[in-house]
Amino acid sequence: MLKANTKHVIDWNEVNKKKYLSAMERSVVKDVEIKYLLKSTLTNKIENRTVFMRGIHVSYYFEDYSEFKAEDLQRKHSRFLTKMVY
């Protein structure tokens, strides 16, 4: 939705985990902090595969899953990933 409406995506590699999780906890009451944090990481690199794949990697890191790297998945499943619509 963000990509389609604003031609921007969040560069999750630029998001600080502690600040993000803290802002998420408080966003139920007041969402200004999370909006500010994420707005500062917007990028117009909407077709950049590296930004996309690192975003997946960071999302797993934020959830404390770090068994693999997204780049490894890209190499193993490149045929599938080239067919994905970003």
Protein backbone atom coordinates (compact mmCIF):
# COMPACT_ATOMS: atom_id res chain seq x y z
CA MET A 1 0.00 0.00 0.00
CA LEU A 2 2.78 2.43 0.91
CA LYS A 3 4.66 1.54 -2.25
CA ALA A 4 1.62 2.04 -4.48
CA ASN A 5 0.38 5.26 -2.88
CA THR A 6 3.60 7.16 -2.17
CA LYS A 7 6.20 5.47 -4.40
CA HIS A 8 8.27 4.88 -1.26
CA VAL A 9 9.07 1.91 0.96
CA ILE A 10 10.57 1.62 4.41
CA ASP A 11 14.26 0.78 4.38
CA TRP A 12 14.10 -1.59 7.36
CA ASN A 13 17.88 -1.77 7.44
CA GLU A 14 17.82 1.82 8.72
CA VAL A 15 15.33 1.16 11.53
CA ASN A 16 16.76 0.81 15.03
CA LYS A 17 15.32 -2.35 16.62
CA LYS A 18 15.08 -1.04 20.19
CA LYS A 19 13.52 2.27 19.12
CA TYR A 20 11.09 0.49 16.81
CA LEU A 21 9.91 -2.05 19.39
CA SER A 22 9.61 0.66 22.01
CA ALA A 23 7.60 2.88 19.66
CA MET A 24 5.38 -0.07 18.71
CA GLU A 25 4.53 -0.67 22.37
CA ARG A 26 3.49 2.95 22.80
CA SER A 27 1.75 3.26 19.42
CA VAL A 28 -1.45 1.78 20.83
CA VAL A 29 -1.88 4.96 22.84
CA LYS A 30 -0.06 7.47 20.64
CA ASP A 31 1.22 6.71 17.14
CA VAL A 32 3.24 9.88 16.53
CA GLU A 33 6.54 8.29 17.57
CA ILE A 34 6.26 5.26 15.28
CA LYS A 35 5.17 7.44 12.36
CA TYR A 36 8.16 9.74 12.87
CA LEU A 37 10.57 6.81 13.21
CA LEU A 38 9.37 5.07 10.05
CA LYS A 39 8.98 8.25 8.00
CA SER A 40 12.66 9.00 8.54
CA THR A 41 13.58 5.67 6.89
CA LEU A 42 11.51 6.00 3.71
CA THR A 43 13.32 5.43 0.44
CA ASN A 44 12.26 5.72 -3.17
CA LYS A 45 14.14 2.52 -4.07
CA ILE A 46 10.88 0.64 -4.60
CA GLU A 47 12.28 -1.72 -7.23
CA ASN A 48 15.54 -2.48 -5.39
CA ARG A 49 15.70 -6.21 -4.63
CA THR A 50 18.37 -5.70 -1.95
CA VAL A 51 16.13 -3.32 0.00
CA PHE A 52 13.30 -5.85 -0.25
CA MET A 53 15.39 -8.85 0.81
CA ARG A 54 17.08 -6.99 3.65
CA GLY A 55 13.65 -5.92 4.83
CA ILE A 56 12.70 -9.57 5.19
CA HIS A 57 15.95 -10.30 7.01
CA VAL A 58 15.46 -7.39 9.41
CA SER A 59 11.86 -8.39 10.15
CA TYR A 60 13.09 -11.80 11.29
CA TYR A 61 15.88 -10.14 13.29
CA PHE A 62 13.31 -7.93 15.04
CA GLU A 63 11.42 -11.07 16.03
CA ASP A 64 14.69 -12.69 17.20
CA TYR A 65 14.79 -15.24 14.40
CA SER A 66 18.28 -15.23 12.93
CA GLU A 67 18.79 -18.75 11.59
CA PHE A 68 19.27 -17.59 8.00
CA LYS A 69 20.03 -14.56 5.88
CA ALA A 70 17.67 -13.38 3.17
CA GLU A 71 20.57 -13.26 0.72
CA ASP A 72 21.03 -17.02 1.17
CA LEU A 73 17.37 -17.59 0.35
CA GLN A 74 17.72 -15.43 -2.72
CA ARG A 75 20.54 -17.61 -4.06
CA LYS A 76 18.75 -20.87 -3.28
CA HIS A 77 15.40 -19.79 -4.66
CA SER A 78 16.31 -17.21 -7.28
CA ARG A 79 14.05 -18.79 -9.90
CA PHE A 80 11.04 -18.35 -7.62
CA LEU A 81 12.01 -14.86 -6.47
CA THR A 82 12.41 -13.51 -9.99
CA LYS A 83 8.75 -14.37 -10.59
CA MET A 84 7.57 -12.47 -7.51
CA VAL A 85 5.93 -9.09 -8.04
CA TYR A 86 7.35 -6.44 -5.75
